[in-house]
């Protein structure tokens, strides 16, 4: 199952620190981890939300990764808007187990920058 996860700079740095193998634990106030099921929706979040968010450092990074189908199918799919807004909801306490089902590495497939972004540009091909 191919999944996508839009992230900001801080989450990206933690993914990079794991050698692109793990998503970081959720913060205490985040009850779910929600990868999305299509690239278009991930790009919408990254470009329209992350680039406007100070906590994301005004950058939206689209990651792509694969998990085994049997494991992925155990989670509920939720549509949270239009039909493209489809997410898997993984309880935060299951994220560590979820990470063990990632096949290969987490890839960076697109990056969106706002005019407020002042740091070094992200190399999409460094993975």
PDB file of N, CA and C in Angstrom:
ATOM      1  N   UNK A   1       0.851  -1.161   0.000  1.00  0.00           N
ATOM      2  CA  UNK A   1       0.000   0.000   0.000  1.00  0.00           C
ATOM      3  C   UNK A   1       0.903   1.233   0.000  1.00  0.00           C
ATOM      4  N   UNK A   2       0.710   2.098  -0.967  1.00  0.00           N
ATOM      5  CA  UNK A   2       1.471   3.337  -1.058  1.00  0.00           C
ATOM      6  C   UNK A   2       0.707   4.413  -0.302  1.00  0.00           C
ATOM      7  N   UNK A   3       1.414   5.105   0.584  1.00  0.00           N
ATOM      8  CA  UNK A   3       0.834   6.168   1.387  1.00  0.00           C
ATOM      9  C   UNK A   3       1.688   7.423   1.269  1.00  0.00           C
ATOM     10  N   UNK A   4       1.100   8.532   1.664  1.00  0.00           N
ATOM     11  CA  UNK A   4       1.764   9.827   1.603  1.00  0.00           C
ATOM     12  C   UNK A   4       1.591  10.523   2.951  1.00  0.00           C
ATOM     13  N   UNK A   5       2.540  11.355   3.288  1.00  0.00           N
ATOM     14  CA  UNK A   5       2.452  12.107   4.538  1.00  0.00           C
ATOM     15  C   UNK A   5       3.061  13.480   4.304  1.00  0.00           C
ATOM     16  N   UNK A   6       2.238  14.541   4.344  1.00  0.00           N
ATOM     17  CA  UNK A   6       2.787  15.887   4.264  1.00  0.00           C
ATOM     18  C   UNK A   6       3.358  16.272   5.627  1.00  0.00           C
ATOM     19  N   UNK A   7       4.545  16.843   5.634  1.00  0.00           N
ATOM     20  CA  UNK A   7       5.209  17.210   6.887  1.00  0.00           C
ATOM     21  C   UNK A   7       5.836  18.593   6.750  1.00  0.00           C
ATOM     22  N   UNK A   8       6.143  19.181   7.887  1.00  0.00           N
ATOM     23  CA  UNK A   8       6.901  20.422   7.939  1.00  0.00           C
ATOM     24  C   UNK A   8       8.368  20.121   8.187  1.00  0.00           C
ATOM     25  N   UNK A   9       9.141  21.168   8.394  1.00  0.00           N
ATOM     26  CA  UNK A   9      10.596  21.023   8.528  1.00  0.00           C
ATOM     27  C   UNK A   9      11.012  20.216   9.755  1.00  0.00           C
ATOM     28  N   UNK A  10      10.385  20.444  10.889  1.00  0.00           N
ATOM     29  CA  UNK A  10      10.787  19.739  12.113  1.00  0.00           C
ATOM     30  C   UNK A  10      10.553  18.230  11.987  1.00  0.00           C
ATOM     31  N   UNK A  11       9.394  17.860  11.461  1.00  0.00           N
ATOM     32  CA  UNK A  11       9.120  16.432  11.290  1.00  0.00           C
ATOM     33  C   UNK A  11      10.043  15.839  10.232  1.00  0.00           C
ATOM     34  N   UNK A  12      10.302  16.596   9.170  1.00  0.00           N
ATOM     35  CA  UNK A  12      11.242  16.141   8.153  1.00  0.00           C
ATOM     36  C   UNK A  12      12.612  15.861   8.756  1.00  0.00           C
ATOM     37  N   UNK A  13      13.098  16.779   9.601  1.00  0.00           N
ATOM     38  CA  UNK A  13      14.417  16.596  10.214  1.00  0.00           C
ATOM     39  C   UNK A  13      14.474  15.302  11.035  1.00  0.00           C
ATOM     40  N   UNK A  14      13.398  14.987  11.732  1.00  0.00           N
ATOM     41  CA  UNK A  14      13.357  13.747  12.526  1.00  0.00           C
ATOM     42  C   UNK A  14      13.322  12.508  11.620  1.00  0.00           C
ATOM     43  N   UNK A  15      12.604  12.604  10.519  1.00  0.00           N
ATOM     44  CA  UNK A  15      12.587  11.502   9.543  1.00  0.00           C
ATOM     45  C   UNK A  15      13.993  11.304   8.963  1.00  0.00           C
ATOM     46  N   UNK A  16      14.628  12.390   8.600  1.00  0.00           N
ATOM     47  CA  UNK A  16      15.995  12.331   8.055  1.00  0.00           C
ATOM     48  C   UNK A  16      16.947  11.716   9.084  1.00  0.00           C
ATOM     49  N   UNK A  17      16.811  12.117  10.357  1.00  0.00           N
ATOM     50  CA  UNK A  17      17.666  11.573  11.418  1.00  0.00           C
ATOM     51  C   UNK A  17      17.494  10.065  11.587  1.00  0.00           C
ATOM     52  N   UNK A  18      16.338   9.536  11.190  1.00  0.00           N
ATOM     53  CA  UNK A  18      16.096   8.083  11.278  1.00  0.00           C
ATOM     54  C   UNK A  18      16.579   7.360  10.028  1.00  0.00           C
ATOM     55  N   UNK A  19      17.311   8.063   9.169  1.00  0.00           N
ATOM     56  CA  UNK A  19      17.751   7.528   7.879  1.00  0.00           C
ATOM     57  C   UNK A  19      16.542   7.200   6.996  1.00  0.00           C
ATOM     58  N   UNK A  20      15.510   8.014   7.102  1.00  0.00           N
ATOM     59  CA  UNK A  20      14.294   7.897   6.297  1.00  0.00           C
ATOM     60  C   UNK A  20      13.568   6.570   6.507  1.00  0.00           C
ATOM     61  N   UNK A  21      13.597   6.078   7.737  1.00  0.00           N
ATOM     62  CA  UNK A  21      12.953   4.799   8.032  1.00  0.00           C
ATOM     63  C   UNK A  21      11.778   4.898   8.993  1.00  0.00           C
ATOM     64  N   UNK A  22      11.657   6.024   9.742  1.00  0.00           N
ATOM     65  CA  UNK A  22      10.652   6.116  10.790  1.00  0.00           C
ATOM     66  C   UNK A  22       9.969   7.478  10.799  1.00  0.00           C
ATOM     67  N   UNK A  23       8.685   7.461  11.150  1.00  0.00           N
ATOM     68  CA  UNK A  23       8.006   8.698  11.476  1.00  0.00           C
ATOM     69  C   UNK A  23       8.149   8.909  12.976  1.00  0.00           C
ATOM     70  N   UNK A  24       8.372  10.155  13.404  1.00  0.00           N
ATOM     71  CA  UNK A  24       8.587  10.411  14.833  1.00  0.00           C
ATOM     72  C   UNK A  24       7.307  10.217  15.637  1.00  0.00           C
ATOM     73  N   UNK A  25       7.465   9.968  16.933  1.00  0.00           N
ATOM     74  CA  UNK A  25       6.280   9.828  17.792  1.00  0.00           C
ATOM     75  C   UNK A  25       5.416  11.085  17.722  1.00  0.00           C
ATOM     76  N   UNK A  26       4.141  10.904  17.934  1.00  0.00           N
ATOM     77  CA  UNK A  26       3.214  12.023  17.956  1.00  0.00           C
ATOM     78  C   UNK A  26       3.428  12.823  19.238  1.00  0.00           C
ATOM     79  N   UNK A  27       3.057  14.061  19.203  1.00  0.00           N
ATOM     80  CA  UNK A  27       3.114  14.896  20.399  1.00  0.00           C
ATOM     81  C   UNK A  27       1.957  14.516  21.319  1.00  0.00           C
ATOM     82  N   UNK A  28       2.058  14.861  22.591  1.00  0.00           N
ATOM     83  CA  UNK A  28       1.083  14.414  23.589  1.00  0.00           C
ATOM     84  C   UNK A  28      -0.356  14.784  23.227  1.00  0.00           C
ATOM     85  N   UNK A  29      -0.551  15.841  22.478  1.00  0.00           N
ATOM     86  CA  UNK A  29      -1.895  16.302  22.139  1.00  0.00           C
ATOM     87  C   UNK A  29      -2.381  15.784  20.771  1.00  0.00           C
ATOM     88  N   UNK A  30      -1.625  14.884  20.153  1.00  0.00           N
ATOM     89  CA  UNK A  30      -1.979  14.346  18.835  1.00  0.00           C
ATOM     90  C   UNK A  30      -2.381  12.868  18.975  1.00  0.00           C
ATOM     91  N   UNK A  31      -3.676  12.571  18.995  1.00  0.00           N
ATOM     92  CA  UNK A  31      -4.125  11.202  19.259  1.00  0.00           C
ATOM     93  C   UNK A  31      -3.974  10.233  18.087  1.00  0.00           C
ATOM     94  N   UNK A  32      -3.800  10.777  16.876  1.00  0.00           N
ATOM     95  CA  UNK A  32      -3.679   9.889  15.718  1.00  0.00           C
ATOM     96  C   UNK A  32      -2.542  10.343  14.802  1.00  0.00           C
ATOM     97  N   UNK A  33      -2.035   9.382  14.053  1.00  0.00           N
ATOM     98  CA  UNK A  33      -1.106   9.607  12.950  1.00  0.00           C
ATOM     99  C   UNK A  33      -1.928   9.336  11.705  1.00  0.00           C
ATOM    100  N   UNK A  34      -1.957  10.256  10.780  1.00  0.00           N
ATOM    101  CA  UNK A  34      -2.829  10.074   9.626  1.00  0.00           C
ATOM    102  C   UNK A  34      -2.116  10.273   8.293  1.00  0.00           C
ATOM    103  N   UNK A  35      -1.528   9.202   7.775  1.00  0.00           N
ATOM    104  CA  UNK A  35      -1.032   9.264   6.401  1.00  0.00           C
ATOM    105  C   UNK A  35      -2.227   9.326   5.455  1.00  0.00           C
ATOM    106  N   UNK A  36      -2.010   9.868   4.279  1.00  0.00           N
ATOM    107  CA  UNK A  36      -3.099  10.000   3.310  1.00  0.00           C
ATOM    108  C   UNK A  36      -2.894   9.026   2.156  1.00  0.00           C
ATOM    109  N   UNK A  37      -3.990   8.767   1.445  1.00  0.00           N
ATOM    110  CA  UNK A  37      -3.970   7.701   0.449  1.00  0.00           C
ATOM    111  C   UNK A  37      -3.712   8.156  -0.981  1.00  0.00           C
ATOM    112  N   UNK A  38      -3.563   9.471  -1.195  1.00  0.00           N
ATOM    113  CA  UNK A  38      -3.241   9.877  -2.562  1.00  0.00           C
ATOM    114  C   UNK A  38      -2.365  11.128  -2.572  1.00  0.00           C
ATOM    115  N   UNK A  39      -1.570  11.212  -3.595  1.00  0.00           N
ATOM    116  CA  UNK A  39      -0.582  12.283  -3.739  1.00  0.00           C
ATOM    117  C   UNK A  39      -1.252  13.652  -3.852  1.00  0.00           C
ATOM    118  N   UNK A  40      -2.360  13.739  -4.556  1.00  0.00           N
ATOM    119  CA  UNK A  40      -3.034  15.022  -4.759  1.00  0.00           C
ATOM    120  C   UNK A  40      -3.450  15.635  -3.421  1.00  0.00           C
ATOM    121  N   UNK A  41      -3.990  14.823  -2.547  1.00  0.00           N
ATOM    122  CA  UNK A  41      -4.405  15.311  -1.231  1.00  0.00           C
ATOM    123  C   UNK A  41      -3.182  15.703  -0.398  1.00  0.00           C
ATOM    124  N   UNK A  42      -2.138  14.914  -0.434  1.00  0.00           N
ATOM    125  CA  UNK A  42      -0.910  15.239   0.302  1.00  0.00           C
ATOM    126  C   UNK A  42      -0.334  16.571  -0.177  1.00  0.00           C
ATOM    127  N   UNK A  43      -0.334  16.784  -1.478  1.00  0.00           N
ATOM    128  CA  UNK A  43       0.188  18.040  -2.026  1.00  0.00           C
ATOM    129  C   UNK A  43      -0.690  19.223  -1.654  1.00  0.00           C
ATOM    130  N   UNK A  44      -1.979  18.999  -1.568  1.00  0.00           N
ATOM    131  CA  UNK A  44      -2.909  20.054  -1.152  1.00  0.00           C
ATOM    132  C   UNK A  44      -2.592  20.484   0.283  1.00  0.00           C
ATOM    133  N   UNK A  45      -2.409  19.525   1.184  1.00  0.00           N
ATOM    134  CA  UNK A  45      -2.083  19.847   2.570  1.00  0.00           C
ATOM    135  C   UNK A  45      -0.730  20.564   2.644  1.00  0.00           C
ATOM    136  N   UNK A  46       0.259  20.010   1.961  1.00  0.00           N
ATOM    137  CA  UNK A  46       1.618  20.581   2.014  1.00  0.00           C
ATOM    138  C   UNK A  46       1.651  22.006   1.468  1.00  0.00           C
ATOM    139  N   UNK A  47       0.980  22.229   0.352  1.00  0.00           N
ATOM    140  CA  UNK A  47       1.057  23.542  -0.293  1.00  0.00           C
ATOM    141  C   UNK A  47       0.119  24.573   0.329  1.00  0.00           C
ATOM    142  N   UNK A  48      -1.044  24.121   0.829  1.00  0.00           N
ATOM    143  CA  UNK A  48      -2.030  25.077   1.340  1.00  0.00           C
ATOM    144  C   UNK A  48      -2.011  25.230   2.857  1.00  0.00           C
ATOM    145  N   UNK A  49      -1.450  24.283   3.566  1.00  0.00           N
ATOM    146  CA  UNK A  49      -1.442  24.348   5.022  1.00  0.00           C
ATOM    147  C   UNK A  49      -0.018  24.525   5.553  1.00  0.00           C
ATOM    148  N   UNK A  50       0.855  23.572   5.252  1.00  0.00           N
ATOM    149  CA  UNK A  50       2.209  23.616   5.820  1.00  0.00           C
ATOM    150  C   UNK A  50       2.954  24.899   5.455  1.00  0.00           C
ATOM    151  N   UNK A  51       2.792  25.384   4.236  1.00  0.00           N
ATOM    152  CA  UNK A  51       3.536  26.578   3.819  1.00  0.00           C
ATOM    153  C   UNK A  51       3.046  27.853   4.505  1.00  0.00           C
ATOM    154  N   UNK A  52       1.890  27.782   5.167  1.00  0.00           N
ATOM    155  CA  UNK A  52       1.356  28.933   5.882  1.00  0.00           C
ATOM    156  C   UNK A  52       1.531  28.797   7.397  1.00  0.00           C
ATOM    157  N   UNK A  53       2.119  27.697   7.822  1.00  0.00           N
ATOM    158  CA  UNK A  53       2.200  27.341   9.234  1.00  0.00           C
ATOM    159  C   UNK A  53       3.604  27.611   9.792  1.00  0.00           C
ATOM    160  N   UNK A  54       3.684  28.488  10.782  1.00  0.00           N
ATOM    161  CA  UNK A  54       4.972  28.796  11.402  1.00  0.00           C
ATOM    162  C   UNK A  54       5.612  27.548  12.002  1.00  0.00           C
ATOM    163  N   UNK A  55       4.809  26.655  12.625  1.00  0.00           N
ATOM    164  CA  UNK A  55       5.352  25.430  13.219  1.00  0.00           C
ATOM    165  C   UNK A  55       5.951  24.496  12.172  1.00  0.00           C
ATOM    166  N   UNK A  56       5.540  24.637  10.917  1.00  0.00           N
ATOM    167  CA  UNK A  56       6.119  23.853   9.816  1.00  0.00           C
ATOM    168  C   UNK A  56       7.293  24.580   9.168  1.00  0.00           C
ATOM    169  N   UNK A  57       7.636  25.746   9.718  1.00  0.00           N
ATOM    170  CA  UNK A  57       8.691  26.597   9.160  1.00  0.00           C
ATOM    171  C   UNK A  57       8.378  27.050   7.739  1.00  0.00           C
ATOM    172  N   UNK A  58       7.089  27.144   7.434  1.00  0.00           N
ATOM    173  CA  UNK A  58       6.628  27.658   6.146  1.00  0.00           C
ATOM    174  C   UNK A  58       7.087  26.814   4.957  1.00  0.00           C
ATOM    175  N   UNK A  59       7.179  25.507   5.193  1.00  0.00           N
ATOM    176  CA  UNK A  59       7.552  24.579   4.125  1.00  0.00           C
ATOM    177  C   UNK A  59       6.642  23.357   4.219  1.00  0.00           C
ATOM    178  N   UNK A  60       6.221  22.857   3.066  1.00  0.00           N
ATOM    179  CA  UNK A  60       5.425  21.636   3.005  1.00  0.00           C
ATOM    180  C   UNK A  60       6.187  20.582   2.223  1.00  0.00           C
ATOM    181  N   UNK A  61       6.450  19.477   2.865  1.00  0.00           N
ATOM    182  CA  UNK A  61       7.241  18.404   2.264  1.00  0.00           C
ATOM    183  C   UNK A  61       6.337  17.182   2.127  1.00  0.00           C
ATOM    184  N   UNK A  62       6.222  16.658   0.930  1.00  0.00           N
ATOM    185  CA  UNK A  62       5.386  15.482   0.697  1.00  0.00           C
ATOM    186  C   UNK A  62       6.270  14.245   0.719  1.00  0.00           C
ATOM    187  N   UNK A  63       5.960  13.346   1.648  1.00  0.00           N
ATOM    188  CA  UNK A  63       6.677  12.082   1.709  1.00  0.00           C
ATOM    189  C   UNK A  63       5.808  10.984   1.118  1.00  0.00           C
ATOM    190  N   UNK A  64       6.462   9.964   0.612  1.00  0.00           N
ATOM    191  CA  UNK A  64       5.778   8.775   0.086  1.00  0.00           C
ATOM    192  C   UNK A  64       6.470   7.557   0.672  1.00  0.00           C
ATOM    193  N   UNK A  65       5.672   6.569   1.039  1.00  0.00           N
ATOM    194  CA  UNK A  65       6.231   5.345   1.590  1.00  0.00           C
ATOM    195  C   UNK A  65       5.253   4.208   1.346  1.00  0.00           C
ATOM    196  N   UNK A  66       5.741   3.011   1.541  1.00  0.00           N
ATOM    197  CA  UNK A  66       4.936   1.815   1.315  1.00  0.00           C
ATOM    198  C   UNK A  66       4.898   0.994   2.589  1.00  0.00           C
ATOM    199  N   UNK A  67       3.719   0.480   2.895  1.00  0.00           N
ATOM    200  CA  UNK A  67       3.588  -0.502   3.970  1.00  0.00           C
ATOM    201  C   UNK A  67       2.930  -1.745   3.380  1.00  0.00           C
ATOM    202  N   UNK A  68       3.094  -2.872   4.068  1.00  0.00           N
ATOM    203  CA  UNK A  68       2.480  -4.083   3.521  1.00  0.00           C
ATOM    204  C   UNK A  68       0.962  -3.979   3.613  1.00  0.00           C
ATOM    205  N   UNK A  69       0.293  -4.457   2.571  1.00  0.00           N
ATOM    206  CA  UNK A  69      -1.153  -4.319   2.433  1.00  0.00           C
ATOM    207  C   UNK A  69      -1.923  -4.929   3.601  1.00  0.00           C
ATOM    208  N   UNK A  70      -1.550  -6.135   4.014  1.00  0.00           N
ATOM    209  CA  UNK A  70      -2.290  -6.791   5.096  1.00  0.00           C
ATOM    210  C   UNK A  70      -2.298  -5.931   6.349  1.00  0.00           C
ATOM    211  N   UNK A  71      -1.185  -5.360   6.682  1.00  0.00           N
ATOM    212  CA  UNK A  71      -1.116  -4.518   7.872  1.00  0.00           C
ATOM    213  C   UNK A  71      -1.903  -3.219   7.658  1.00  0.00           C
ATOM    214  N   UNK A  72      -1.717  -2.580   6.537  1.00  0.00           N
ATOM    215  CA  UNK A  72      -2.395  -1.310   6.258  1.00  0.00           C
ATOM    216  C   UNK A  72      -3.904  -1.425   6.232  1.00  0.00           C
ATOM    217  N   UNK A  73      -4.390  -2.561   5.762  1.00  0.00           N
ATOM    218  CA  UNK A  73      -5.838  -2.754   5.660  1.00  0.00           C
ATOM    219  C   UNK A  73      -6.533  -2.918   7.003  1.00  0.00           C
ATOM    220  N   UNK A  74      -5.784  -3.064   8.066  1.00  0.00           N
ATOM    221  CA  UNK A  74      -6.415  -3.205   9.378  1.00  0.00           C
ATOM    222  C   UNK A  74      -6.893  -1.866   9.940  1.00  0.00           C
ATOM    223  N   UNK A  75      -6.444  -0.762   9.334  1.00  0.00           N
ATOM    224  CA  UNK A  75      -6.817   0.563   9.815  1.00  0.00           C
ATOM    225  C   UNK A  75      -7.992   1.118   9.024  1.00  0.00           C
ATOM    226  N   UNK A  76      -8.825   1.880   9.721  1.00  0.00           N
ATOM    227  CA  UNK A  76      -9.977   2.504   9.080  1.00  0.00           C
ATOM    228  C   UNK A  76      -9.529   3.611   8.136  1.00  0.00           C
ATOM    229  N   UNK A  77     -10.203   3.680   7.002  1.00  0.00           N
ATOM    230  CA  UNK A  77     -10.009   4.792   6.082  1.00  0.00           C
ATOM    231  C   UNK A  77     -11.098   5.819   6.391  1.00  0.00           C
ATOM    232  N   UNK A  78     -10.721   7.081   6.394  1.00  0.00           N
ATOM    233  CA  UNK A  78     -11.660   8.166   6.674  1.00  0.00           C
ATOM    234  C   UNK A  78     -11.587   9.187   5.561  1.00  0.00           C
ATOM    235  N   UNK A  79     -12.744   9.640   5.105  1.00  0.00           N
ATOM    236  CA  UNK A  79     -12.813  10.747   4.153  1.00  0.00           C
ATOM    237  C   UNK A  79     -13.149  11.988   4.970  1.00  0.00           C
ATOM    238  N   UNK A  80     -12.295  12.988   4.883  1.00  0.00           N
ATOM    239  CA  UNK A  80     -12.408  14.157   5.749  1.00  0.00           C
ATOM    240  C   UNK A  80     -12.650  15.438   4.939  1.00  0.00           C
ATOM    241  N   UNK A  81     -13.470  15.348   3.956  1.00  0.00           N
ATOM    242  CA  UNK A  81     -13.766  16.479   3.079  1.00  0.00           C
ATOM    243  C   UNK A  81     -14.233  15.915   1.747  1.00  0.00           C
ATOM    244  N   UNK A  82     -13.639  16.386   0.675  1.00  0.00           N
ATOM    245  CA  UNK A  82     -13.999  15.857  -0.642  1.00  0.00           C
ATOM    246  C   UNK A  82     -13.485  14.424  -0.773  1.00  0.00           C
ATOM    247  N   UNK A  83     -13.863  13.771  -1.848  1.00  0.00           N
ATOM    248  CA  UNK A  83     -13.518  12.353  -2.030  1.00  0.00           C
ATOM    249  C   UNK A  83     -12.011  12.101  -2.114  1.00  0.00           C
ATOM    250  N   UNK A  84     -11.208  13.130  -2.443  1.00  0.00           N
ATOM    251  CA  UNK A  84      -9.752  12.910  -2.478  1.00  0.00           C
ATOM    252  C   UNK A  84      -9.124  12.956  -1.084  1.00  0.00           C
ATOM    253  N   UNK A  85      -9.866  13.433  -0.112  1.00  0.00           N
ATOM    254  CA  UNK A  85      -9.325  13.645   1.248  1.00  0.00           C
ATOM    255  C   UNK A  85      -9.461  12.374   2.075  1.00  0.00           C
ATOM    256  N   UNK A  86      -8.733  11.349   1.658  1.00  0.00           N
ATOM    257  CA  UNK A  86      -8.826  10.042   2.311  1.00  0.00           C
ATOM    258  C   UNK A  86      -7.568   9.778   3.138  1.00  0.00           C
ATOM    259  N   UNK A  87      -7.787   9.397   4.394  1.00  0.00           N
ATOM    260  CA  UNK A  87      -6.697   9.173   5.340  1.00  0.00           C
ATOM    261  C   UNK A  87      -6.845   7.823   6.022  1.00  0.00           C
ATOM    262  N   UNK A  88      -5.725   7.280   6.447  1.00  0.00           N
ATOM    263  CA  UNK A  88      -5.738   6.166   7.397  1.00  0.00           C
ATOM    264  C   UNK A  88      -5.550   6.770   8.776  1.00  0.00           C
ATOM    265  N   UNK A  89      -6.280   6.258   9.753  1.00  0.00           N
ATOM    266  CA  UNK A  89      -6.119   6.759  11.117  1.00  0.00           C
ATOM    267  C   UNK A  89      -5.440   5.696  11.955  1.00  0.00           C
ATOM    268  N   UNK A  90      -4.227   5.992  12.364  1.00  0.00           N
ATOM    269  CA  UNK A  90      -3.439   5.083  13.193  1.00  0.00           C
ATOM    270  C   UNK A  90      -3.348   5.714  14.587  1.00  0.00           C
ATOM    271  N   UNK A  91      -3.832   5.032  15.613  1.00  0.00           N
ATOM    272  CA  UNK A  91      -3.703   5.584  16.961  1.00  0.00           C
ATOM    273  C   UNK A  91      -2.231   5.846  17.284  1.00  0.00           C
ATOM    274  N   UNK A  92      -1.971   6.953  17.948  1.00  0.00           N
ATOM    275  CA  UNK A  92      -0.589   7.351  18.264  1.00  0.00           C
ATOM    276  C   UNK A  92       0.203   6.248  18.941  1.00  0.00           C
ATOM    277  N   UNK A  93      -0.455   5.506  19.824  1.00  0.00           N
ATOM    278  CA  UNK A  93       0.253   4.449  20.551  1.00  0.00           C
ATOM    279  C   UNK A  93       0.647   3.277  19.647  1.00  0.00           C
ATOM    280  N   UNK A  94       0.138   3.239  18.416  1.00  0.00           N
ATOM    281  CA  UNK A  94       0.499   2.177  17.475  1.00  0.00           C
ATOM    282  C   UNK A  94       1.521   2.615  16.430  1.00  0.00           C
ATOM    283  N   UNK A  95       1.974   3.868  16.501  1.00  0.00           N
ATOM    284  CA  UNK A  95       2.895   4.377  15.483  1.00  0.00           C
ATOM    285  C   UNK A  95       4.220   3.624  15.464  1.00  0.00           C
ATOM    286  N   UNK A  96       4.732   3.260  16.610  1.00  0.00           N
ATOM    287  CA  UNK A  96       5.998   2.522  16.649  1.00  0.00           C
ATOM    288  C   UNK A  96       5.870   1.201  15.882  1.00  0.00           C
ATOM    289  N   UNK A  97       4.787   0.486  16.096  1.00  0.00           N
ATOM    290  CA  UNK A  97       4.534  -0.767  15.358  1.00  0.00           C
ATOM    291  C   UNK A  97       4.332  -0.471  13.871  1.00  0.00           C
ATOM    292  N   UNK A  98       3.579   0.581  13.563  1.00  0.00           N
ATOM    293  CA  UNK A  98       3.340   0.981  12.172  1.00  0.00           C
ATOM    294  C   UNK A  98       4.673   1.185  11.454  1.00  0.00           C
ATOM    295  N   UNK A  99       5.601   1.871  12.107  1.00  0.00           N
ATOM    296  CA  UNK A  99       6.916   2.129  11.499  1.00  0.00           C
ATOM    297  C   UNK A  99       7.642   0.843  11.113  1.00  0.00           C
ATOM    298  N   UNK A 100       7.428  -0.236  11.843  1.00  0.00           N
ATOM    299  CA  UNK A 100       8.109  -1.496  11.520  1.00  0.00           C
ATOM    300  C   UNK A 100       7.572  -2.120  10.239  1.00  0.00           C
ATOM    301  N   UNK A 101       6.439  -1.629   9.751  1.00  0.00           N
ATOM    302  CA  UNK A 101       5.841  -2.170   8.532  1.00  0.00           C
ATOM    303  C   UNK A 101       6.153  -1.326   7.291  1.00  0.00           C
ATOM    304  N   UNK A 102       6.966  -0.284   7.466  1.00  0.00           N
ATOM    305  CA  UNK A 102       7.378   0.521   6.308  1.00  0.00           C
ATOM    306  C   UNK A 102       8.395  -0.283   5.506  1.00  0.00           C
ATOM    307  N   UNK A 103       8.127  -0.408   4.226  1.00  0.00           N
ATOM    308  CA  UNK A 103       8.999  -1.155   3.317  1.00  0.00           C
ATOM    309  C   UNK A 103       9.973  -0.160   2.679  1.00  0.00           C
ATOM    310  N   UNK A 104      11.247  -0.469   2.725  1.00  0.00           N
ATOM    311  CA  UNK A 104      12.304   0.408   2.191  1.00  0.00           C
ATOM    312  C   UNK A 104      12.361   1.711   2.989  1.00  0.00           C
ATOM    313  N   UNK A 105      12.460   2.837   2.287  1.00  0.00           N
ATOM    314  CA  UNK A 105      12.634   4.129   2.958  1.00  0.00           C
ATOM    315  C   UNK A 105      11.482   5.076   2.641  1.00  0.00           C
ATOM    316  N   UNK A 106      11.359   6.080   3.479  1.00  0.00           N
ATOM    317  CA  UNK A 106      10.417   7.175   3.256  1.00  0.00           C
ATOM    318  C   UNK A 106      11.071   8.107   2.238  1.00  0.00           C
ATOM    319  N   UNK A 107      10.358   8.398   1.164  1.00  0.00           N
ATOM    320  CA  UNK A 107      10.908   9.234   0.089  1.00  0.00           C
ATOM    321  C   UNK A 107      10.311  10.631   0.148  1.00  0.00           C
ATOM    322  N   UNK A 108      11.082  11.600  -0.278  1.00  0.00           N
ATOM    323  CA  UNK A 108      10.601  12.970  -0.454  1.00  0.00           C
ATOM    324  C   UNK A 108      10.236  13.105  -1.926  1.00  0.00           C
ATOM    325  N   UNK A 109       8.958  13.379  -2.204  1.00  0.00           N
ATOM    326  CA  UNK A 109       8.552  13.425  -3.611  1.00  0.00           C
ATOM    327  C   UNK A 109       8.160  14.818  -4.092  1.00  0.00           C
ATOM    328  N   UNK A 110       7.944  15.739  -3.152  1.00  0.00           N
ATOM    329  CA  UNK A 110       7.653  17.110  -3.567  1.00  0.00           C
ATOM    330  C   UNK A 110       7.875  18.034  -2.377  1.00  0.00           C
ATOM    331  N   UNK A 111       8.238  19.269  -2.671  1.00  0.00           N
ATOM    332  CA  UNK A 111       8.465  20.259  -1.630  1.00  0.00           C
ATOM    333  C   UNK A 111       7.845  21.574  -2.079  1.00  0.00           C
ATOM    334  N   UNK A 112       7.120  22.198  -1.158  1.00  0.00           N
ATOM    335  CA  UNK A 112       6.493  23.489  -1.417  1.00  0.00           C
ATOM    336  C   UNK A 112       7.055  24.502  -0.418  1.00  0.00           C
ATOM    337  N   UNK A 113       7.433  25.671  -0.922  1.00  0.00           N
ATOM    338  CA  UNK A 113       8.018  26.711  -0.092  1.00  0.00           C
ATOM    339  C   UNK A 113       7.121  27.950  -0.113  1.00  0.00           C
ATOM    340  N   UNK A 114       7.006  28.619   1.025  1.00  0.00           N
ATOM    341  CA  UNK A 114       6.359  29.925   1.029  1.00  0.00           C
ATOM    342  C   UNK A 114       7.446  30.983   0.922  1.00  0.00           C
ATOM    343  N   UNK A 115       7.041  32.229   0.713  1.00  0.00           N
ATOM    344  CA  UNK A 115       8.000  33.326   0.657  1.00  0.00           C
ATOM    345  C   UNK A 115       8.665  33.544   2.016  1.00  0.00           C
ATOM    346  N   UNK A 116       8.049  33.029   3.084  1.00  0.00           N
ATOM    347  CA  UNK A 116       8.593  33.190   4.432  1.00  0.00           C
ATOM    348  C   UNK A 116       9.675  32.162   4.756  1.00  0.00           C
ATOM    349  N   UNK A 117       9.877  31.174   3.902  1.00  0.00           N
ATOM    350  CA  UNK A 117      10.868  30.136   4.178  1.00  0.00           C
ATOM    351  C   UNK A 117      12.256  30.704   3.968  1.00  0.00           C
ATOM    352  N   UNK A 118      13.114  30.600   5.009  1.00  0.00           N
ATOM    353  CA  UNK A 118      14.431  31.241   4.941  1.00  0.00           C
ATOM    354  C   UNK A 118      15.600  30.274   5.090  1.00  0.00           C
ATOM    355  N   UNK A 119      15.311  28.984   5.270  1.00  0.00           N
ATOM    356  CA  UNK A 119      16.384  28.023   5.506  1.00  0.00           C
ATOM    357  C   UNK A 119      16.879  27.433   4.182  1.00  0.00           C
ATOM    358  N   UNK A 120      17.848  26.550   4.294  1.00  0.00           N
ATOM    359  CA  UNK A 120      18.394  25.871   3.121  1.00  0.00           C
ATOM    360  C   UNK A 120      17.305  25.025   2.460  1.00  0.00           C
ATOM    361  N   UNK A 121      17.272  25.034   1.157  1.00  0.00           N
ATOM    362  CA  UNK A 121      16.271  24.247   0.414  1.00  0.00           C
ATOM    363  C   UNK A 121      16.507  22.751   0.632  1.00  0.00           C
ATOM    364  N   UNK A 122      15.420  22.007   0.612  1.00  0.00           N
ATOM    365  CA  UNK A 122      15.453  20.552   0.808  1.00  0.00           C
ATOM    366  C   UNK A 122      15.743  19.882  -0.525  1.00  0.00           C
ATOM    367  N   UNK A 123      16.684  18.944  -0.543  1.00  0.00           N
ATOM    368  CA  UNK A 123      16.985  18.176  -1.743  1.00  0.00           C
ATOM    369  C   UNK A 123      16.069  16.963  -1.784  1.00  0.00           C
ATOM    370  N   UNK A 124      15.146  16.951  -2.738  1.00  0.00           N
ATOM    371  CA  UNK A 124      14.182  15.859  -2.830  1.00  0.00           C
ATOM    372  C   UNK A 124      14.839  14.535  -3.156  1.00  0.00           C
ATOM    373  N   UNK A 125      16.059  14.559  -3.629  1.00  0.00           N
ATOM    374  CA  UNK A 125      16.673  13.327  -4.104  1.00  0.00           C
ATOM    375  C   UNK A 125      17.803  12.833  -3.195  1.00  0.00           C
ATOM    376  N   UNK A 126      17.843  13.330  -1.971  1.00  0.00           N
ATOM    377  CA  UNK A 126      18.945  12.926  -1.100  1.00  0.00           C
ATOM    378  C   UNK A 126      18.721  11.561  -0.485  1.00  0.00           C
ATOM    379  N   UNK A 127      17.530  11.042  -0.525  1.00  0.00           N
ATOM    380  CA  UNK A 127      17.247   9.722   0.066  1.00  0.00           C
ATOM    381  C   UNK A 127      17.941   8.645  -0.743  1.00  0.00           C
TER     382      UNK A 127
END
